Protein backbone atom coordinates (compact mmCIF):
# COMPACT_ATOMS: atom_id res chain seq x y z
CA UNK A 1 0.00 0.00 0.00
CA UNK A 2 1.57 3.27 -1.11
CA UNK A 3 1.60 6.05 1.47
CA UNK A 4 1.93 9.56 0.07
CA UNK A 5 3.79 12.26 1.96
CA UNK A 6 1.39 14.34 4.02
CA UNK A 7 -1.38 11.72 3.86
CA UNK A 8 -3.28 11.34 7.11
CA UNK A 9 -6.45 9.48 6.14
CA UNK A 10 -6.95 5.89 5.06
CA UNK A 11 -9.95 5.60 2.74
CA UNK A 12 -11.53 2.20 2.36
CA UNK A 13 -13.86 1.53 -0.57
CA UNK A 14 -15.94 -1.64 -0.86
CA UNK A 15 -16.72 -2.18 -4.56
CA UNK A 16 -18.87 -4.46 -6.69
CA UNK A 17 -18.34 -5.41 -10.31
CA UNK A 18 -20.73 -3.57 -12.62
CA UNK A 19 -21.49 -4.74 -16.15
CA UNK A 20 -23.51 -2.49 -18.45
CA UNK A 21 -23.80 -4.09 -21.84
CA UNK A 22 -20.24 -4.56 -23.11
CA UNK A 23 -18.77 -2.12 -20.57
CA UNK A 24 -17.21 -3.45 -17.38
CA UNK A 25 -16.38 -1.46 -14.29
CA UNK A 26 -16.99 -1.20 -10.57
CA UNK A 27 -19.36 0.71 -8.35
CA UNK A 28 -18.68 1.74 -4.75
CA UNK A 29 -21.24 0.20 -2.40
CA UNK A 30 -19.71 1.33 0.93
CA UNK A 31 -16.84 3.53 2.10
CA UNK A 32 -15.17 4.99 5.17
CA UNK A 33 -12.28 7.29 6.05
CA UNK A 34 -10.03 6.65 9.03
CA UNK A 35 -7.47 9.08 10.41
CA UNK A 36 -4.27 7.03 10.65
CA UNK A 37 -2.63 9.11 13.41
CA UNK A 38 -5.57 8.36 15.72
CA UNK A 39 -5.15 4.62 15.12
CA UNK A 40 -1.37 4.62 15.63
CA UNK A 41 -1.70 6.64 18.85
CA UNK A 42 -4.13 4.03 20.21
CA UNK A 43 -2.12 0.86 19.35
CA UNK A 44 -2.85 -1.88 20.24
CA UNK A 45 -6.31 -1.42 18.73
CA UNK A 46 -9.23 -3.67 17.79
CA UNK A 47 -12.06 -1.40 16.71
CA UNK A 48 -15.11 -1.31 14.47
CA UNK A 49 -15.57 1.61 12.06
CA UNK A 50 -18.94 2.41 10.49
CA UNK A 51 -19.08 2.53 6.69
CA UNK A 52 -21.55 4.60 4.68
CA UNK A 53 -23.24 4.29 1.29
CA UNK A 54 -21.96 6.99 -1.08
CA UNK A 55 -24.61 8.91 -3.02
CA UNK A 56 -27.38 7.09 -1.13
CA UNK A 57 -26.75 7.97 2.47
CA UNK A 58 -27.37 5.53 5.25
CA UNK A 59 -25.33 2.80 6.84
CA UNK A 60 -23.03 0.60 4.78
CA UNK A 61 -21.99 -1.93 7.41
CA UNK A 62 -18.88 -2.04 9.55
CA UNK A 63 -15.20 -2.72 9.09
CA UNK A 64 -13.06 -4.11 11.91
CA UNK A 65 -9.41 -3.10 12.18
CA UNK A 66 -6.89 -4.71 14.49
CA UNK A 67 -3.34 -3.36 14.76
CA UNK A 68 -0.49 -4.16 17.10
CA UNK A 69 3.26 -3.52 17.22
CA UNK A 70 5.73 -6.30 18.04
CA UNK A 71 8.78 -5.73 20.29
CA UNK A 72 11.13 -6.04 17.27
CA UNK A 73 9.49 -3.01 15.63
CA UNK A 74 7.34 -4.93 13.15
CA UNK A 75 3.57 -4.58 13.13
CA UNK A 76 0.62 -6.82 12.45
CA UNK A 77 -2.70 -5.74 11.03
CA UNK A 78 -6.04 -7.44 10.46
CA UNK A 79 -8.97 -5.96 8.57
CA UNK A 80 -12.42 -7.58 8.21
CA UNK A 81 -15.56 -6.22 6.56
CA UNK A 82 -18.71 -7.14 8.48
């Protein structure tokens, strides 16, 4: 995952394949934005974030993020859409 300098938000998009005739593409069915600094400051973390439905409003489900740092400086992360 590429991290751009000055980036502070992780945007998660849940997409579905969309076929219209001979055209193929994707449509976003749920999304959320998470401020990375808030997550890193709270490590270890195991938290649910609410997703929303773009252009429709309303709830889009939840995403669960787990993050922890190991003593050797490495990190582990788990992400599940619910």
